[in-house]
Amino acid sequence: MEKADLKELKEKVACGAVLESSGFAVDRQESTRRAVKYRRDGNIIIVIHEGRGWFDPLSEAKGDVFRLVEHLDGLPFAAALHVVTDLVGFRPAEPAWIRQAREKAPHQTGTQRWQNRRKPWCGSSSWRYLHDARGIPEPILRRAVADDLLRDGPHGSMWAGHTDEAGHVTGWEERGPRWRGFASGGAKILFRLGPVDATRLCVTEAAIDAMSLAAIEDLRPGSLYLSTGGGWSPSTEAALHGLASRPDVLLVAATDANSQGETFAERLRILAEENGCNWQRLRPPSDDWNACLKEKE
């Protein structure tokens, strides 16, 4: 088949069609418009690029619709080609997304967008969301605000900043009552709450979980509470390597109590081994640390 024909076929068959026909279902709570999470038993596939790309968060697998069929069924390319061809015209039952409009200023850099948003204050919409809905105690919020880690996002959401080693904001996690995502064009590195010279590094998957664990432990001295933003990007891995290579470090895998959390914990164990630092698995009694915090309260 000519390259032009392959390209046309990829345009006609979305990755969601392959997944739905293989028994996967959309996880609406864990999905966004840009990244739709599909589940089947313990398997997870994230569909991106408006249905034209995908990746497996529990492995290194990724690619286009043909690679997806190869990944799921263990087929060679020629057989995968026939599977995809048979799906032409199949329309997956995608959810009707209700996405809040996001403020965009094309001429603004990410840093400018961050600086133009106000910090949360007692009574602001993001403060109420974090304090009332997610149970984050006031002292933790005040510490995060003082460290310039939070911003008041649109429509009752909050922004939690990711920073590089120099402390510059590279992007931010966005969470709200009806919206979750990451800054458009931003880079996931690490959300960091606590002293920069801390030797106990608690790695979670979300900034709200990092703040929740900090609250549960009452900001344990010598601890830095981190969030990867649910991803494992090369920049995140590089930042963790940099932190783990310091003397006397304890790397704590405080990821969620599910299969994805266990996969991230294993990656952290390997990373600790590569850097010669100590490692510990700190598993939340509930699904995640925010759930534990709300149960504790």
C-alpha atoms as a PDB file:
ATOM      1  CA  MET A   1       0.000   0.000   0.000  1.00  0.00           C
ATOM      2  CA  GLU A   2       1.298   3.466  -0.904  1.00  0.00           C
ATOM      3  CA  LYS A   3       2.208   5.938   1.831  1.00  0.00           C
ATOM      4  CA  ALA A   4      -0.596   8.241   0.711  1.00  0.00           C
ATOM      5  CA  ASP A   5      -3.104   5.399   1.099  1.00  0.00           C
ATOM      6  CA  LEU A   6      -1.789   4.577   4.575  1.00  0.00           C
ATOM      7  CA  LYS A   7      -2.119   8.208   5.584  1.00  0.00           C
ATOM      8  CA  GLU A   8      -5.694   8.342   4.275  1.00  0.00           C
ATOM      9  CA  LEU A   9      -6.554   5.154   6.174  1.00  0.00           C
ATOM     10  CA  LYS A  10      -5.152   6.589   9.416  1.00  0.00           C
ATOM     11  CA  GLU A  11      -7.319   9.658   8.932  1.00  0.00           C
ATOM     12  CA  LYS A  12     -10.427   7.506   8.521  1.00  0.00           C
ATOM     13  CA  VAL A  13      -9.938   5.263  11.587  1.00  0.00           C
ATOM     14  CA  ALA A  14      -9.491   6.786  15.036  1.00  0.00           C
ATOM     15  CA  CYS A  15      -7.662   4.979  17.834  1.00  0.00           C
ATOM     16  CA  GLY A  16     -10.878   5.077  19.837  1.00  0.00           C
ATOM     17  CA  ALA A  17     -12.542   2.891  17.223  1.00  0.00           C
ATOM     18  CA  VAL A  18      -9.897   0.198  17.715  1.00  0.00           C
ATOM     19  CA  LEU A  19     -10.208   0.370  21.484  1.00  0.00           C
ATOM     20  CA  GLU A  20     -14.013   0.340  21.611  1.00  0.00           C
ATOM     21  CA  SER A  21     -14.156  -2.589  19.214  1.00  0.00           C
ATOM     22  CA  SER A  22     -11.673  -4.389  21.499  1.00  0.00           C
ATOM     23  CA  GLY A  23     -13.809  -3.978  24.611  1.00  0.00           C
ATOM     24  CA  PHE A  24     -12.253  -0.832  26.071  1.00  0.00           C
ATOM     25  CA  ALA A  25     -14.452   1.858  27.623  1.00  0.00           C
ATOM     26  CA  VAL A  26     -13.824   5.555  28.240  1.00  0.00           C
ATOM     27  CA  ASP A  27     -13.007   6.542  31.826  1.00  0.00           C
ATOM     28  CA  ARG A  28     -14.900   9.847  31.842  1.00  0.00           C
ATOM     29  CA  GLN A  29     -13.636  11.008  35.242  1.00  0.00           C
ATOM     30  CA  GLU A  30      -9.996  10.531  34.275  1.00  0.00           C
ATOM     31  CA  SER A  31     -10.277  11.917  30.724  1.00  0.00           C
ATOM     32  CA  THR A  32      -9.896  15.335  29.172  1.00  0.00           C
ATOM     33  CA  ARG A  33     -10.625  16.530  25.648  1.00  0.00           C
ATOM     34  CA  ARG A  34      -6.935  16.262  24.726  1.00  0.00           C
ATOM     35  CA  ALA A  35      -6.278  12.957  26.527  1.00  0.00           C
ATOM     36  CA  VAL A  36      -9.042  10.351  26.617  1.00  0.00           C
ATOM     37  CA  LYS A  37      -8.367   7.442  28.984  1.00  0.00           C
ATOM     38  CA  TYR A  38      -9.678   4.017  27.956  1.00  0.00           C
ATOM     39  CA  ARG A  39      -9.786   1.037  30.332  1.00  0.00           C
ATOM     40  CA  ARG A  40     -10.265  -2.708  29.906  1.00  0.00           C
ATOM     41  CA  ASP A  41      -9.738  -4.773  33.030  1.00  0.00           C
ATOM     42  CA  GLY A  42      -6.298  -3.652  34.218  1.00  0.00           C
ATOM     43  CA  ASN A  43      -5.217  -2.250  30.856  1.00  0.00           C
ATOM     44  CA  ILE A  44      -5.074   1.503  30.197  1.00  0.00           C
ATOM     45  CA  ILE A  45      -4.594   3.342  26.900  1.00  0.00           C
ATOM     46  CA  ILE A  46      -4.536   7.144  26.566  1.00  0.00           C
ATOM     47  CA  VAL A  47      -5.717   8.493  23.203  1.00  0.00           C
ATOM     48  CA  ILE A  48      -4.245  11.842  22.132  1.00  0.00           C
ATOM     49  CA  HIS A  49      -3.895  14.057  19.055  1.00  0.00           C
ATOM     50  CA  GLU A  50      -7.666  14.070  18.448  1.00  0.00           C
ATOM     51  CA  GLY A  51      -7.767  10.291  18.150  1.00  0.00           C
ATOM     52  CA  ARG A  52      -4.744   9.914  15.888  1.00  0.00           C
ATOM     53  CA  GLY A  53      -2.209   8.897  18.529  1.00  0.00           C
ATOM     54  CA  TRP A  54      -2.021   6.900  21.754  1.00  0.00           C
ATOM     55  CA  PHE A  55       0.290   5.766  24.533  1.00  0.00           C
ATOM     56  CA  ASP A  56       0.288   3.192  27.309  1.00  0.00           C
ATOM     57  CA  PRO A  57       1.034   4.940  30.654  1.00  0.00           C
ATOM     58  CA  LEU A  58       2.136   1.615  32.148  1.00  0.00           C
ATOM     59  CA  SER A  59       4.790   0.929  29.512  1.00  0.00           C
ATOM     60  CA  GLU A  60       6.771   2.705  26.797  1.00  0.00           C
ATOM     61  CA  ALA A  61       4.333   1.678  24.039  1.00  0.00           C
ATOM     62  CA  LYS A  62       2.883   4.428  21.820  1.00  0.00           C
ATOM     63  CA  GLY A  63       2.191   5.260  18.190  1.00  0.00           C
ATOM     64  CA  ASP A  64      -0.520   5.480  15.552  1.00  0.00           C
ATOM     65  CA  VAL A  65      -3.613   3.349  14.925  1.00  0.00           C
ATOM     66  CA  PHE A  66      -1.605   0.570  13.244  1.00  0.00           C
ATOM     67  CA  ARG A  67       0.823   0.319  16.168  1.00  0.00           C
ATOM     68  CA  LEU A  68      -2.188   0.206  18.493  1.00  0.00           C
ATOM     69  CA  VAL A  69      -3.571  -2.916  16.797  1.00  0.00           C
ATOM     70  CA  GLU A  70      -0.109  -4.491  16.890  1.00  0.00           C
ATOM     71  CA  HIS A  71       0.181  -3.638  20.600  1.00  0.00           C
ATOM     72  CA  LEU A  72      -3.238  -4.983  21.584  1.00  0.00           C
ATOM     73  CA  ASP A  73      -3.367  -8.132  19.467  1.00  0.00           C
ATOM     74  CA  GLY A  74       0.300  -8.955  18.879  1.00  0.00           C
ATOM     75  CA  LEU A  75      -0.228  -8.864  15.119  1.00  0.00           C
ATOM     76  CA  PRO A  76       2.323  -8.105  12.395  1.00  0.00           C
ATOM     77  CA  PHE A  77       1.814  -4.911  10.411  1.00  0.00           C
ATOM     78  CA  ALA A  78       0.182  -6.647   7.434  1.00  0.00           C
ATOM     79  CA  ALA A  79      -2.487  -8.221   9.650  1.00  0.00           C
ATOM     80  CA  ALA A  80      -2.965  -4.973  11.582  1.00  0.00           C
ATOM     81  CA  LEU A  81      -3.579  -3.240   8.276  1.00  0.00           C
ATOM     82  CA  HIS A  82      -6.543  -5.516   7.558  1.00  0.00           C
ATOM     83  CA  VAL A  83      -7.985  -4.907  11.057  1.00  0.00           C
ATOM     84  CA  VAL A  84      -7.813  -1.149  10.601  1.00  0.00           C
ATOM     85  CA  THR A  85      -9.311  -1.364   7.105  1.00  0.00           C
ATOM     86  CA  ASP A  86     -12.305  -3.263   8.490  1.00  0.00           C
ATOM     87  CA  LEU A  87     -12.943  -0.404  10.933  1.00  0.00           C
ATOM     88  CA  VAL A  88     -13.391   2.269   8.267  1.00  0.00           C
ATOM     89  CA  GLY A  89     -16.725   3.925   8.962  1.00  0.00           C
ATOM     90  CA  PHE A  90     -16.870   2.753  12.583  1.00  0.00           C
ATOM     91  CA  ARG A  91     -17.576   5.710  14.900  1.00  0.00           C
ATOM     92  CA  PRO A  92     -16.639   5.238  18.563  1.00  0.00           C
ATOM     93  CA  ALA A  93     -19.163   6.492  21.119  1.00  0.00           C
ATOM     94  CA  GLU A  94     -17.060   9.357  22.404  1.00  0.00           C
ATOM     95  CA  PRO A  95     -18.376  11.294  25.422  1.00  0.00           C
ATOM     96  CA  ALA A  96     -19.927  14.708  24.913  1.00  0.00           C
ATOM     97  CA  TRP A  97     -17.317  16.831  26.600  1.00  0.00           C
ATOM     98  CA  ILE A  98     -18.360  19.924  28.484  1.00  0.00           C
ATOM     99  CA  ARG A  99     -15.177  21.898  28.551  1.00  0.00           C
ATOM    100  CA  GLN A 100     -14.856  25.211  30.287  1.00  0.00           C
ATOM    101  CA  ALA A 101     -13.505  27.955  28.091  1.00  0.00           C
ATOM    102  CA  ARG A 102      -9.915  28.686  28.954  1.00  0.00           C
ATOM    103  CA  GLU A 103      -8.462  32.150  28.815  1.00  0.00           C
ATOM    104  CA  LYS A 104      -5.963  32.351  26.020  1.00  0.00           C
ATOM    105  CA  ALA A 105      -3.797  35.199  24.915  1.00  0.00           C
ATOM    106  CA  PRO A 106      -1.763  34.008  21.926  1.00  0.00           C
ATOM    107  CA  HIS A 107       0.786  36.781  22.384  1.00  0.00           C
ATOM    108  CA  GLN A 108       1.413  35.839  26.027  1.00  0.00           C
ATOM    109  CA  THR A 109       4.080  33.410  27.162  1.00  0.00           C
ATOM    110  CA  GLY A 110       3.318  30.774  29.759  1.00  0.00           C
ATOM    111  CA  THR A 111       5.181  32.827  32.349  1.00  0.00           C
ATOM    112  CA  GLN A 112       3.068  35.884  31.538  1.00  0.00           C
ATOM    113  CA  ARG A 113      -0.162  33.891  31.783  1.00  0.00           C
ATOM    114  CA  TRP A 114       0.929  32.594  35.185  1.00  0.00           C
ATOM    115  CA  GLN A 115       1.907  36.031  36.453  1.00  0.00           C
ATOM    116  CA  ASN A 116      -1.331  37.593  35.233  1.00  0.00           C
ATOM    117  CA  ARG A 117      -3.436  35.304  37.423  1.00  0.00           C
ATOM    118  CA  ARG A 118      -4.010  36.239  41.068  1.00  0.00           C
ATOM    119  CA  LYS A 119      -2.767  34.125  43.943  1.00  0.00           C
ATOM    120  CA  PRO A 120      -5.568  32.388  45.868  1.00  0.00           C
ATOM    121  CA  TRP A 121      -6.804  34.176  48.987  1.00  0.00           C
ATOM    122  CA  CYS A 122      -9.159  33.128  51.738  1.00  0.00           C
ATOM    123  CA  GLY A 123     -12.589  33.199  50.097  1.00  0.00           C
ATOM    124  CA  SER A 124     -11.453  33.083  46.480  1.00  0.00           C
ATOM    125  CA  SER A 125     -12.971  30.399  44.245  1.00  0.00           C
ATOM    126  CA  SER A 126      -9.797  28.304  44.062  1.00  0.00           C
ATOM    127  CA  TRP A 127      -9.290  28.594  47.825  1.00  0.00           C
ATOM    128  CA  ARG A 128     -12.830  27.346  48.430  1.00  0.00           C
ATOM    129  CA  TYR A 129     -12.299  24.493  45.980  1.00  0.00           C
ATOM    130  CA  LEU A 130      -9.063  23.372  47.629  1.00  0.00           C
ATOM    131  CA  HIS A 131     -10.171  23.971  51.224  1.00  0.00           C
ATOM    132  CA  ASP A 132     -13.864  23.073  51.135  1.00  0.00           C
ATOM    133  CA  ALA A 133     -14.122  20.502  48.339  1.00  0.00           C
ATOM    134  CA  ARG A 134     -10.693  18.855  48.599  1.00  0.00           C
ATOM    135  CA  GLY A 135     -10.106  19.332  52.328  1.00  0.00           C
ATOM    136  CA  ILE A 136      -6.651  20.962  52.129  1.00  0.00           C
ATOM    137  CA  PRO A 137      -6.055  22.699  55.506  1.00  0.00           C
ATOM    138  CA  GLU A 138      -5.468  26.437  55.626  1.00  0.00           C
ATOM    139  CA  PRO A 139      -1.820  26.215  56.855  1.00  0.00           C
ATOM    140  CA  ILE A 140      -0.876  24.082  53.843  1.00  0.00           C
ATOM    141  CA  LEU A 141      -2.622  26.469  51.451  1.00  0.00           C
ATOM    142  CA  ARG A 142      -0.912  29.465  53.017  1.00  0.00           C
ATOM    143  CA  ARG A 143       2.468  27.754  52.673  1.00  0.00           C
ATOM    144  CA  ALA A 144       1.813  26.905  49.016  1.00  0.00           C
ATOM    145  CA  VAL A 145       0.676  30.467  48.307  1.00  0.00           C
ATOM    146  CA  ALA A 146       3.719  31.890  50.116  1.00  0.00           C
ATOM    147  CA  ASP A 147       5.957  29.662  47.978  1.00  0.00           C
ATOM    148  CA  ASP A 148       4.205  31.042  44.850  1.00  0.00           C
ATOM    149  CA  LEU A 149       2.937  27.604  43.838  1.00  0.00           C
ATOM    150  CA  LEU A 150      -0.768  28.367  43.304  1.00  0.00           C
ATOM    151  CA  ARG A 151      -2.890  30.599  41.116  1.00  0.00           C
ATOM    152  CA  ASP A 152      -6.612  31.321  40.927  1.00  0.00           C
ATOM    153  CA  GLY A 153      -7.708  29.682  37.665  1.00  0.00           C
ATOM    154  CA  PRO A 154     -10.879  30.417  35.684  1.00  0.00           C
ATOM    155  CA  HIS A 155     -14.300  28.993  36.565  1.00  0.00           C
ATOM    156  CA  GLY A 156     -13.450  27.987  40.130  1.00  0.00           C
ATOM    157  CA  SER A 157     -10.328  26.037  39.201  1.00  0.00           C
ATOM    158  CA  MET A 158      -6.851  26.216  40.678  1.00  0.00           C
ATOM    159  CA  TRP A 159      -3.453  26.195  38.998  1.00  0.00           C
ATOM    160  CA  ALA A 160      -0.554  24.368  40.689  1.00  0.00           C
ATOM    161  CA  GLY A 161       2.789  25.343  39.216  1.00  0.00           C
ATOM    162  CA  HIS A 162       5.507  23.004  37.983  1.00  0.00           C
ATOM    163  CA  THR A 163       9.007  24.434  38.230  1.00  0.00           C
ATOM    164  CA  ASP A 164      12.483  23.652  36.995  1.00  0.00           C
ATOM    165  CA  GLU A 165      15.623  23.454  39.125  1.00  0.00           C
ATOM    166  CA  ALA A 166      15.980  27.245  39.063  1.00  0.00           C
ATOM    167  CA  GLY A 167      12.432  27.740  40.344  1.00  0.00           C
ATOM    168  CA  HIS A 168      10.983  29.000  37.056  1.00  0.00           C
ATOM    169  CA  VAL A 169       7.386  28.004  36.304  1.00  0.00           C
ATOM    170  CA  THR A 170       7.258  25.745  33.235  1.00  0.00           C
ATOM    171  CA  GLY A 171       3.559  24.803  33.351  1.00  0.00           C
ATOM    172  CA  TRP A 172       0.796  24.031  35.789  1.00  0.00           C
ATOM    173  CA  GLU A 173      -1.735  21.403  36.752  1.00  0.00           C
ATOM    174  CA  GLU A 174      -5.311  22.644  36.365  1.00  0.00           C
ATOM    175  CA  ARG A 175      -7.987  21.208  38.639  1.00  0.00           C
ATOM    176  CA  GLY A 176     -11.520  22.379  39.337  1.00  0.00           C
ATOM    177  CA  PRO A 177     -15.040  21.151  40.073  1.00  0.00           C
ATOM    178  CA  ARG A 178     -15.642  20.325  36.405  1.00  0.00           C
ATOM    179  CA  TRP A 179     -12.239  20.473  34.768  1.00  0.00           C
ATOM    180  CA  ARG A 180      -8.817  18.840  34.920  1.00  0.00           C
ATOM    181  CA  GLY A 181      -5.877  19.265  32.605  1.00  0.00           C
ATOM    182  CA  PHE A 182      -2.418  20.775  32.195  1.00  0.00           C
ATOM    183  CA  ALA A 183      -1.355  24.157  30.894  1.00  0.00           C
ATOM    184  CA  SER A 184      -1.566  24.367  27.121  1.00  0.00           C
ATOM    185  CA  GLY A 185       1.996  24.483  25.813  1.00  0.00           C
ATOM    186  CA  GLY A 186       3.422  23.991  29.312  1.00  0.00           C
ATOM    187  CA  ALA A 187       6.047  21.465  30.362  1.00  0.00           C
ATOM    188  CA  LYS A 188       5.486  18.943  33.146  1.00  0.00           C
ATOM    189  CA  ILE A 189       8.487  18.794  35.444  1.00  0.00           C
ATOM    190  CA  LEU A 190       7.628  18.788  39.164  1.00  0.00           C
ATOM    191  CA  PHE A 191       5.312  20.551  41.591  1.00  0.00           C
ATOM    192  CA  ARG A 192       7.484  21.167  44.681  1.00  0.00           C
ATOM    193  CA  LEU A 193       6.165  21.962  48.159  1.00  0.00           C
ATOM    194  CA  GLY A 194       8.759  22.177  50.905  1.00  0.00           C
ATOM    195  CA  PRO A 195      12.427  23.093  51.408  1.00  0.00           C
ATOM    196  CA  VAL A 196      14.554  22.816  48.294  1.00  0.00           C
ATOM    197  CA  ASP A 197      17.384  21.187  50.265  1.00  0.00           C
ATOM    198  CA  ALA A 198      15.159  18.469  51.733  1.00  0.00           C
ATOM    199  CA  THR A 199      16.573  14.944  51.758  1.00  0.00           C
ATOM    200  CA  ARG A 200      13.214  13.119  52.026  1.00  0.00           C
ATOM    201  CA  LEU A 201      11.511  13.344  48.622  1.00  0.00           C
ATOM    202  CA  CYS A 202       7.838  12.274  48.554  1.00  0.00           C
ATOM    203  CA  VAL A 203       6.709  11.759  44.956  1.00  0.00           C
ATOM    204  CA  THR A 204       2.950  11.781  44.233  1.00  0.00           C
ATOM    205  CA  GLU A 205       0.974  11.885  40.992  1.00  0.00           C
ATOM    206  CA  ALA A 206      -0.955  15.143  41.550  1.00  0.00           C
ATOM    207  CA  ALA A 207      -0.342  18.455  43.293  1.00  0.00           C
ATOM    208  CA  ILE A 208      -3.515  17.979  45.369  1.00  0.00           C
ATOM    209  CA  ASP A 209      -2.138  14.640  46.566  1.00  0.00           C
ATOM    210  CA  ALA A 210       1.213  16.268  47.392  1.00  0.00           C
ATOM    211  CA  MET A 211      -0.546  18.921  49.480  1.00  0.00           C
ATOM    212  CA  SER A 212      -2.773  16.272  51.066  1.00  0.00           C
ATOM    213  CA  LEU A 213       0.203  14.151  52.141  1.00  0.00           C
ATOM    214  CA  ALA A 214       1.912  17.282  53.454  1.00  0.00           C
ATOM    215  CA  ALA A 215      -1.207  17.965  55.537  1.00  0.00           C
ATOM    216  CA  ILE A 216      -1.403  14.386  56.839  1.00  0.00           C
ATOM    217  CA  GLU A 217       2.273  14.537  57.858  1.00  0.00           C
ATOM    218  CA  ASP A 218       1.967  18.134  59.102  1.00  0.00           C
ATOM    219  CA  LEU A 219       4.757  19.237  56.735  1.00  0.00           C
ATOM    220  CA  ARG A 220       7.282  16.789  58.144  1.00  0.00           C
ATOM    221  CA  PRO A 221      10.669  18.506  58.593  1.00  0.00           C
ATOM    222  CA  GLY A 222      13.188  17.749  55.880  1.00  0.00           C
ATOM    223  CA  SER A 223      10.510  16.610  53.435  1.00  0.00           C
ATOM    224  CA  LEU A 224       9.831  17.901  49.939  1.00  0.00           C
ATOM    225  CA  TYR A 225       6.397  16.989  48.551  1.00  0.00           C
ATOM    226  CA  LEU A 226       6.456  16.504  44.783  1.00  0.00           C
ATOM    227  CA  SER A 227       3.957  15.856  42.010  1.00  0.00           C
ATOM    228  CA  THR A 228       4.666  14.547  38.530  1.00  0.00           C
ATOM    229  CA  GLY A 229       1.262  15.728  37.293  1.00  0.00           C
ATOM    230  CA  GLY A 230       0.256  12.173  36.407  1.00  0.00           C
ATOM    231  CA  GLY A 231       2.980  11.810  33.793  1.00  0.00           C
ATOM    232  CA  TRP A 232       6.541  10.597  33.434  1.00  0.00           C
ATOM    233  CA  SER A 233       8.073  12.977  30.916  1.00  0.00           C
ATOM    234  CA  PRO A 234      11.819  13.048  30.142  1.00  0.00           C
ATOM    235  CA  SER A 235      12.043  16.409  31.936  1.00  0.00           C
ATOM    236  CA  THR A 236      10.332  14.944  35.014  1.00  0.00           C
ATOM    237  CA  GLU A 237      12.667  11.951  35.024  1.00  0.00           C
ATOM    238  CA  ALA A 238      15.703  14.220  34.617  1.00  0.00           C
ATOM    239  CA  ALA A 239      14.556  16.408  37.525  1.00  0.00           C
ATOM    240  CA  LEU A 240      14.058  13.354  39.753  1.00  0.00           C
ATOM    241  CA  HIS A 241      17.502  12.051  38.834  1.00  0.00           C
ATOM    242  CA  GLY A 242      18.959  15.414  39.823  1.00  0.00           C
ATOM    243  CA  LEU A 243      17.228  15.355  43.201  1.00  0.00           C
ATOM    244  CA  ALA A 244      17.999  11.693  43.899  1.00  0.00           C
ATOM    245  CA  SER A 245      21.700  12.128  43.146  1.00  0.00           C
ATOM    246  CA  ARG A 246      22.211  14.402  46.155  1.00  0.00           C
ATOM    247  CA  PRO A 247      23.782  12.950  49.335  1.00  0.00           C
ATOM    248  CA  ASP A 248      21.667  11.152  51.964  1.00  0.00           C
ATOM    249  CA  VAL A 249      18.434  11.251  49.957  1.00  0.00           C
ATOM    250  CA  LEU A 250      15.425   9.040  50.702  1.00  0.00           C
ATOM    251  CA  LEU A 251      13.155   8.719  47.667  1.00  0.00           C
ATOM    252  CA  VAL A 252       9.596   7.976  48.807  1.00  0.00           C
ATOM    253  CA  ALA A 253       7.191   6.546  46.209  1.00  0.00           C
ATOM    254  CA  ALA A 254       3.915   8.025  47.502  1.00  0.00           C
ATOM    255  CA  THR A 255       1.985   7.253  44.322  1.00  0.00           C
ATOM    256  CA  ASP A 256      -1.629   6.062  44.143  1.00  0.00           C
ATOM    257  CA  ALA A 257      -2.799   2.655  45.367  1.00  0.00           C
ATOM    258  CA  ASN A 258      -3.617   1.271  41.907  1.00  0.00           C
ATOM    259  CA  SER A 259      -1.826  -0.356  38.983  1.00  0.00           C
ATOM    260  CA  GLN A 260      -0.581   2.934  37.560  1.00  0.00           C
ATOM    261  CA  GLY A 261       0.671   4.001  40.983  1.00  0.00           C
ATOM    262  CA  GLU A 262       2.532   0.714  41.383  1.00  0.00           C
ATOM    263  CA  THR A 263       4.132   1.152  37.955  1.00  0.00           C
ATOM    264  CA  PHE A 264       5.320   4.648  38.886  1.00  0.00           C
ATOM    265  CA  ALA A 265       6.589   3.312  42.235  1.00  0.00           C
ATOM    266  CA  GLU A 266       8.647   0.666  40.445  1.00  0.00           C
ATOM    267  CA  ARG A 267      10.133   3.321  38.164  1.00  0.00           C
ATOM    268  CA  LEU A 268      11.078   5.327  41.247  1.00  0.00           C
ATOM    269  CA  ARG A 269      12.685   2.251  42.805  1.00  0.00           C
ATOM    270  CA  ILE A 270      14.807   1.750  39.690  1.00  0.00           C
ATOM    271  CA  LEU A 271      15.671   5.461  39.635  1.00  0.00           C
ATOM    272  CA  ALA A 272      16.755   5.310  43.280  1.00  0.00           C
ATOM    273  CA  GLU A 273      18.887   2.250  42.560  1.00  0.00           C
ATOM    274  CA  GLU A 274      20.553   4.014  39.637  1.00  0.00           C
ATOM    275  CA  ASN A 275      21.435   6.978  41.857  1.00  0.00           C
ATOM    276  CA  GLY A 276      22.473   4.933  44.884  1.00  0.00           C
ATOM    277  CA  CYS A 277      19.910   6.504  47.222  1.00  0.00           C
ATOM    278  CA  ASN A 278      17.462   4.933  49.658  1.00  0.00           C
ATOM    279  CA  TRP A 279      13.933   4.107  48.525  1.00  0.00           C
ATOM    280  CA  GLN A 280      10.625   3.579  50.301  1.00  0.00           C
ATOM    281  CA  ARG A 281       7.087   2.730  49.153  1.00  0.00           C
ATOM    282  CA  LEU A 282       4.473   4.792  50.980  1.00  0.00           C
ATOM    283  CA  ARG A 283       1.122   3.467  49.797  1.00  0.00           C
ATOM    284  CA  PRO A 284      -2.064   5.429  50.652  1.00  0.00           C
ATOM    285  CA  PRO A 285      -4.659   3.392  52.603  1.00  0.00           C
ATOM    286  CA  SER A 286      -7.309   4.704  50.192  1.00  0.00           C
ATOM    287  CA  ASP A 287      -7.046   5.287  46.449  1.00  0.00           C
ATOM    288  CA  ASP A 288      -4.933   8.422  46.828  1.00  0.00           C
ATOM    289  CA  TRP A 289      -3.729  10.851  49.505  1.00  0.00           C
ATOM    290  CA  ASN A 290      -6.559  13.319  49.047  1.00  0.00           C
ATOM    291  CA  ALA A 291      -9.093  10.557  49.708  1.00  0.00           C
ATOM    292  CA  CYS A 292      -7.111   9.646  52.840  1.00  0.00           C
ATOM    293  CA  LEU A 293      -7.092  13.262  53.990  1.00  0.00           C
ATOM    294  CA  LYS A 294     -10.853  13.623  53.602  1.00  0.00           C
ATOM    295  CA  GLU A 295     -11.457  10.338  55.429  1.00  0.00           C
ATOM    296  CA  LYS A 296      -9.139  11.457  58.227  1.00  0.00           C
ATOM    297  CA  GLU A 297     -11.075  14.693  58.614  1.00  0.00           C
END
